[in-house]
């Protein structure tokens, strides 16, 4: 049986800071060096995908994203996938405690984030850092991840939000 793990908060913050505090935009060389420095194993066929110590059955559990040929972000697990987890189970209680502790640690580092969603579905907290990198912490009763977006993706997201606020959810962007 595969061990299901939640990353300790200190290690989660180390992983997040390793990416968030890079001098963006970053080259693929920098992205791969950061991945390797954290001890993650690249997929044999595409180095953008990787496994961490949280991987279940050796499956890739993280990935780097690409925009205009450059690395534009990273999605990293902060726990093993536990698709059988039920709300209010000991697993989900531990997961929410880890989410709260990680969100508190990120707030200490980066200030108050913007929270959306709720614990009955998906809870997300976003921080836009001084370097314009967006750090997103997401959790449900089954999984917790950190997603980091480059300043370019952050700018695209902010423009999208501007249009939604100005024209409503159903605006057409032609």
C-alpha atoms as a PDB file:
ATOM      1  CA  UNK A   1       0.000   0.000   0.000  1.00  0.00           C
ATOM      2  CA  UNK A   2       1.204   3.496  -0.851  1.00  0.00           C
ATOM      3  CA  UNK A   3       1.806   5.864   2.037  1.00  0.00           C
ATOM      4  CA  UNK A   4      -0.339   9.004   1.946  1.00  0.00           C
ATOM      5  CA  UNK A   5       1.579  12.040   3.237  1.00  0.00           C
ATOM      6  CA  UNK A   6       1.088  15.729   3.955  1.00  0.00           C
ATOM      7  CA  UNK A   7       4.204  17.841   3.536  1.00  0.00           C
ATOM      8  CA  UNK A   8       5.349  19.572   6.739  1.00  0.00           C
ATOM      9  CA  UNK A   9       4.641  23.312   6.627  1.00  0.00           C
ATOM     10  CA  UNK A  10       8.322  24.289   6.783  1.00  0.00           C
ATOM     11  CA  UNK A  11       9.084  22.128   3.746  1.00  0.00           C
ATOM     12  CA  UNK A  12       6.017  23.446   1.876  1.00  0.00           C
ATOM     13  CA  UNK A  13       7.213  27.007   2.456  1.00  0.00           C
ATOM     14  CA  UNK A  14      10.714  26.053   1.291  1.00  0.00           C
ATOM     15  CA  UNK A  15       9.290  24.643  -1.966  1.00  0.00           C
ATOM     16  CA  UNK A  16       7.044  27.674  -2.547  1.00  0.00           C
ATOM     17  CA  UNK A  17       9.767  30.223  -1.800  1.00  0.00           C
ATOM     18  CA  UNK A  18      12.242  28.424  -4.075  1.00  0.00           C
ATOM     19  CA  UNK A  19       9.958  29.331  -7.002  1.00  0.00           C
ATOM     20  CA  UNK A  20       8.255  32.514  -5.809  1.00  0.00           C
ATOM     21  CA  UNK A  21      11.453  34.374  -5.080  1.00  0.00           C
ATOM     22  CA  UNK A  22      13.226  33.657  -8.364  1.00  0.00           C
ATOM     23  CA  UNK A  23      14.088  36.571 -10.627  1.00  0.00           C
ATOM     24  CA  UNK A  24      11.248  36.168 -13.155  1.00  0.00           C
ATOM     25  CA  UNK A  25      10.962  35.664 -16.075  1.00  0.00           C
ATOM     26  CA  UNK A  26      13.018  32.490 -15.770  1.00  0.00           C
ATOM     27  CA  UNK A  27      14.706  30.348 -18.383  1.00  0.00           C
ATOM     28  CA  UNK A  28      14.019  26.651 -18.718  1.00  0.00           C
ATOM     29  CA  UNK A  29      17.554  26.102 -17.443  1.00  0.00           C
ATOM     30  CA  UNK A  30      16.656  27.942 -14.212  1.00  0.00           C
ATOM     31  CA  UNK A  31      13.333  26.095 -13.933  1.00  0.00           C
ATOM     32  CA  UNK A  32      14.984  22.680 -14.330  1.00  0.00           C
ATOM     33  CA  UNK A  33      17.789  23.624 -11.914  1.00  0.00           C
ATOM     34  CA  UNK A  34      15.192  24.687  -9.316  1.00  0.00           C
ATOM     35  CA  UNK A  35      13.294  21.413  -9.809  1.00  0.00           C
ATOM     36  CA  UNK A  36      16.502  19.429  -9.397  1.00  0.00           C
ATOM     37  CA  UNK A  37      17.671  21.440  -6.359  1.00  0.00           C
ATOM     38  CA  UNK A  38      14.424  20.512  -4.602  1.00  0.00           C
ATOM     39  CA  UNK A  39      15.085  16.827  -5.275  1.00  0.00           C
ATOM     40  CA  UNK A  40      12.223  16.317  -7.709  1.00  0.00           C
ATOM     41  CA  UNK A  41      12.625  13.709 -10.442  1.00  0.00           C
ATOM     42  CA  UNK A  42      11.877  14.740 -14.032  1.00  0.00           C
ATOM     43  CA  UNK A  43       9.712  12.563 -16.241  1.00  0.00           C
ATOM     44  CA  UNK A  44      11.899  10.702 -18.739  1.00  0.00           C
ATOM     45  CA  UNK A  45      10.030  12.048 -21.774  1.00  0.00           C
ATOM     46  CA  UNK A  46       9.381  15.674 -20.690  1.00  0.00           C
ATOM     47  CA  UNK A  47      11.253  17.510 -17.933  1.00  0.00           C
ATOM     48  CA  UNK A  48       8.310  19.858 -17.335  1.00  0.00           C
ATOM     49  CA  UNK A  49       6.599  17.009 -15.471  1.00  0.00           C
ATOM     50  CA  UNK A  50       8.115  15.641 -12.280  1.00  0.00           C
ATOM     51  CA  UNK A  51       7.619  13.491  -9.213  1.00  0.00           C
ATOM     52  CA  UNK A  52       8.137  14.630  -5.640  1.00  0.00           C
ATOM     53  CA  UNK A  53       8.517  12.731  -2.387  1.00  0.00           C
ATOM     54  CA  UNK A  54       4.704  12.902  -2.139  1.00  0.00           C
ATOM     55  CA  UNK A  55       4.072  10.957  -5.345  1.00  0.00           C
ATOM     56  CA  UNK A  56       1.888   7.897  -5.100  1.00  0.00           C
ATOM     57  CA  UNK A  57       3.122   4.888  -7.083  1.00  0.00           C
ATOM     58  CA  UNK A  58       5.822   6.964  -8.800  1.00  0.00           C
ATOM     59  CA  UNK A  59       3.299   8.953 -10.820  1.00  0.00           C
ATOM     60  CA  UNK A  60       4.189  12.499 -11.818  1.00  0.00           C
ATOM     61  CA  UNK A  61       2.516  14.817  -9.336  1.00  0.00           C
ATOM     62  CA  UNK A  62       3.791  18.226 -10.415  1.00  0.00           C
ATOM     63  CA  UNK A  63       4.382  20.173 -13.578  1.00  0.00           C
ATOM     64  CA  UNK A  64       5.718  23.398 -15.014  1.00  0.00           C
ATOM     65  CA  UNK A  65       3.596  25.422 -17.405  1.00  0.00           C
ATOM     66  CA  UNK A  66       4.654  27.160 -20.602  1.00  0.00           C
ATOM     67  CA  UNK A  67       3.564  30.430 -22.213  1.00  0.00           C
ATOM     68  CA  UNK A  68       5.193  31.762 -25.384  1.00  0.00           C
ATOM     69  CA  UNK A  69       7.908  29.119 -25.066  1.00  0.00           C
ATOM     70  CA  UNK A  70       8.982  30.223 -21.573  1.00  0.00           C
ATOM     71  CA  UNK A  71       8.359  28.688 -18.173  1.00  0.00           C
ATOM     72  CA  UNK A  72       5.300  30.520 -16.875  1.00  0.00           C
ATOM     73  CA  UNK A  73       4.631  28.735 -13.620  1.00  0.00           C
ATOM     74  CA  UNK A  74       4.664  25.577 -11.582  1.00  0.00           C
ATOM     75  CA  UNK A  75       2.064  23.396  -9.887  1.00  0.00           C
ATOM     76  CA  UNK A  76       3.362  21.454  -6.914  1.00  0.00           C
ATOM     77  CA  UNK A  77       1.648  19.028  -4.574  1.00  0.00           C
ATOM     78  CA  UNK A  78       1.705  19.692  -0.856  1.00  0.00           C
ATOM     79  CA  UNK A  79       0.241  16.275  -0.050  1.00  0.00           C
ATOM     80  CA  UNK A  80      -0.204  12.900  -1.677  1.00  0.00           C
ATOM     81  CA  UNK A  81      -3.374  12.432  -3.703  1.00  0.00           C
ATOM     82  CA  UNK A  82      -6.025  10.765  -1.598  1.00  0.00           C
ATOM     83  CA  UNK A  83      -9.023  10.403  -3.882  1.00  0.00           C
ATOM     84  CA  UNK A  84     -10.823   8.154  -1.377  1.00  0.00           C
ATOM     85  CA  UNK A  85     -10.791  10.804   1.367  1.00  0.00           C
ATOM     86  CA  UNK A  86     -14.173  11.759   2.771  1.00  0.00           C
ATOM     87  CA  UNK A  87     -15.074  15.179   4.156  1.00  0.00           C
ATOM     88  CA  UNK A  88     -14.668  15.307   7.954  1.00  0.00           C
ATOM     89  CA  UNK A  89     -12.363  12.278   7.945  1.00  0.00           C
ATOM     90  CA  UNK A  90      -9.131  12.320   9.965  1.00  0.00           C
ATOM     91  CA  UNK A  91      -7.263  12.816   6.648  1.00  0.00           C
ATOM     92  CA  UNK A  92      -9.265  15.871   5.615  1.00  0.00           C
ATOM     93  CA  UNK A  93      -9.030  17.338   9.130  1.00  0.00           C
ATOM     94  CA  UNK A  94      -5.235  17.001   8.992  1.00  0.00           C
ATOM     95  CA  UNK A  95      -5.215  18.447   5.488  1.00  0.00           C
ATOM     96  CA  UNK A  96      -7.224  21.524   6.548  1.00  0.00           C
ATOM     97  CA  UNK A  97      -4.927  22.028   9.554  1.00  0.00           C
ATOM     98  CA  UNK A  98      -1.950  21.944   7.172  1.00  0.00           C
ATOM     99  CA  UNK A  99      -3.720  24.372   4.811  1.00  0.00           C
ATOM    100  CA  UNK A 100      -4.351  26.813   7.665  1.00  0.00           C
ATOM    101  CA  UNK A 101      -0.749  26.572   8.900  1.00  0.00           C
ATOM    102  CA  UNK A 102       0.652  27.006   5.395  1.00  0.00           C
ATOM    103  CA  UNK A 103      -1.667  29.957   4.670  1.00  0.00           C
ATOM    104  CA  UNK A 104      -0.617  31.547   7.985  1.00  0.00           C
ATOM    105  CA  UNK A 105       3.075  31.090   7.126  1.00  0.00           C
ATOM    106  CA  UNK A 106       2.542  32.597   3.657  1.00  0.00           C
ATOM    107  CA  UNK A 107       0.642  35.511   5.207  1.00  0.00           C
ATOM    108  CA  UNK A 108       3.596  36.134   7.531  1.00  0.00           C
ATOM    109  CA  UNK A 109       5.888  36.234   4.494  1.00  0.00           C
ATOM    110  CA  UNK A 110       3.756  37.999   1.894  1.00  0.00           C
ATOM    111  CA  UNK A 111       0.878  39.741   3.673  1.00  0.00           C
ATOM    112  CA  UNK A 112      -2.822  38.962   3.524  1.00  0.00           C
ATOM    113  CA  UNK A 113      -3.957  36.942   0.543  1.00  0.00           C
ATOM    114  CA  UNK A 114      -7.322  36.937  -1.221  1.00  0.00           C
ATOM    115  CA  UNK A 115      -9.433  33.915  -0.314  1.00  0.00           C
ATOM    116  CA  UNK A 116     -12.087  32.396  -2.583  1.00  0.00           C
ATOM    117  CA  UNK A 117     -14.220  29.283  -2.333  1.00  0.00           C
ATOM    118  CA  UNK A 118     -14.901  27.344   0.823  1.00  0.00           C
ATOM    119  CA  UNK A 119     -14.112  24.086   2.588  1.00  0.00           C
ATOM    120  CA  UNK A 120     -17.185  22.311   1.211  1.00  0.00           C
ATOM    121  CA  UNK A 121     -15.577  22.347  -2.254  1.00  0.00           C
ATOM    122  CA  UNK A 122     -12.243  24.040  -3.016  1.00  0.00           C
ATOM    123  CA  UNK A 123     -10.653  26.744  -0.904  1.00  0.00           C
ATOM    124  CA  UNK A 124      -8.046  28.967  -2.546  1.00  0.00           C
ATOM    125  CA  UNK A 125      -5.909  31.807  -1.249  1.00  0.00           C
ATOM    126  CA  UNK A 126      -3.905  33.962  -3.670  1.00  0.00           C
ATOM    127  CA  UNK A 127      -1.009  36.293  -2.956  1.00  0.00           C
ATOM    128  CA  UNK A 128       0.390  38.647  -5.589  1.00  0.00           C
ATOM    129  CA  UNK A 129       3.966  39.313  -4.570  1.00  0.00           C
ATOM    130  CA  UNK A 130       6.026  42.458  -5.107  1.00  0.00           C
ATOM    131  CA  UNK A 131       7.721  40.746  -8.069  1.00  0.00           C
ATOM    132  CA  UNK A 132       4.213  40.151  -9.528  1.00  0.00           C
ATOM    133  CA  UNK A 133       4.399  36.372  -9.100  1.00  0.00           C
ATOM    134  CA  UNK A 134       1.065  34.932  -7.990  1.00  0.00           C
ATOM    135  CA  UNK A 135       1.208  32.261  -5.292  1.00  0.00           C
ATOM    136  CA  UNK A 136      -2.004  30.243  -4.987  1.00  0.00           C
ATOM    137  CA  UNK A 137      -2.686  27.762  -2.210  1.00  0.00           C
ATOM    138  CA  UNK A 138      -5.549  25.384  -3.050  1.00  0.00           C
ATOM    139  CA  UNK A 139      -7.162  22.583  -1.077  1.00  0.00           C
ATOM    140  CA  UNK A 140     -10.146  20.291  -0.982  1.00  0.00           C
ATOM    141  CA  UNK A 141     -10.810  17.348   1.301  1.00  0.00           C
ATOM    142  CA  UNK A 142      -8.634  15.201  -1.022  1.00  0.00           C
ATOM    143  CA  UNK A 143      -5.660  17.320  -2.142  1.00  0.00           C
ATOM    144  CA  UNK A 144      -3.586  20.423  -1.413  1.00  0.00           C
ATOM    145  CA  UNK A 145      -1.400  22.172  -4.017  1.00  0.00           C
ATOM    146  CA  UNK A 146       0.566  25.340  -4.525  1.00  0.00           C
ATOM    147  CA  UNK A 147       0.447  26.975  -7.919  1.00  0.00           C
ATOM    148  CA  UNK A 148       2.814  29.771  -8.866  1.00  0.00           C
ATOM    149  CA  UNK A 149       2.273  31.970 -11.908  1.00  0.00           C
ATOM    150  CA  UNK A 150       4.836  34.195 -13.589  1.00  0.00           C
ATOM    151  CA  UNK A 151       4.397  37.973 -13.688  1.00  0.00           C
ATOM    152  CA  UNK A 152       3.197  37.635 -17.313  1.00  0.00           C
ATOM    153  CA  UNK A 153       0.435  35.211 -16.320  1.00  0.00           C
ATOM    154  CA  UNK A 154      -0.419  37.410 -13.325  1.00  0.00           C
ATOM    155  CA  UNK A 155      -0.863  40.388 -15.694  1.00  0.00           C
ATOM    156  CA  UNK A 156      -3.141  38.342 -17.974  1.00  0.00           C
ATOM    157  CA  UNK A 157      -5.218  37.214 -14.973  1.00  0.00           C
ATOM    158  CA  UNK A 158      -5.501  40.781 -13.659  1.00  0.00           C
ATOM    159  CA  UNK A 159      -6.652  42.040 -17.062  1.00  0.00           C
ATOM    160  CA  UNK A 160      -9.253  39.265 -17.190  1.00  0.00           C
ATOM    161  CA  UNK A 161     -10.531  40.253 -13.730  1.00  0.00           C
ATOM    162  CA  UNK A 162     -10.720  43.893 -14.819  1.00  0.00           C
ATOM    163  CA  UNK A 163     -12.957  42.969 -17.767  1.00  0.00           C
ATOM    164  CA  UNK A 164     -15.138  40.725 -15.628  1.00  0.00           C
ATOM    165  CA  UNK A 165     -15.596  43.524 -13.086  1.00  0.00           C
ATOM    166  CA  UNK A 166     -16.311  46.064 -15.841  1.00  0.00           C
ATOM    167  CA  UNK A 167     -18.556  43.966 -18.116  1.00  0.00           C
ATOM    168  CA  UNK A 168     -19.691  41.022 -15.997  1.00  0.00           C
ATOM    169  CA  UNK A 169     -19.014  37.293 -16.107  1.00  0.00           C
ATOM    170  CA  UNK A 170     -20.453  36.893 -19.617  1.00  0.00           C
ATOM    171  CA  UNK A 171     -18.308  39.451 -21.446  1.00  0.00           C
ATOM    172  CA  UNK A 172     -16.985  38.408 -24.857  1.00  0.00           C
ATOM    173  CA  UNK A 173     -13.281  38.987 -25.463  1.00  0.00           C
ATOM    174  CA  UNK A 174     -12.964  39.255 -29.262  1.00  0.00           C
END
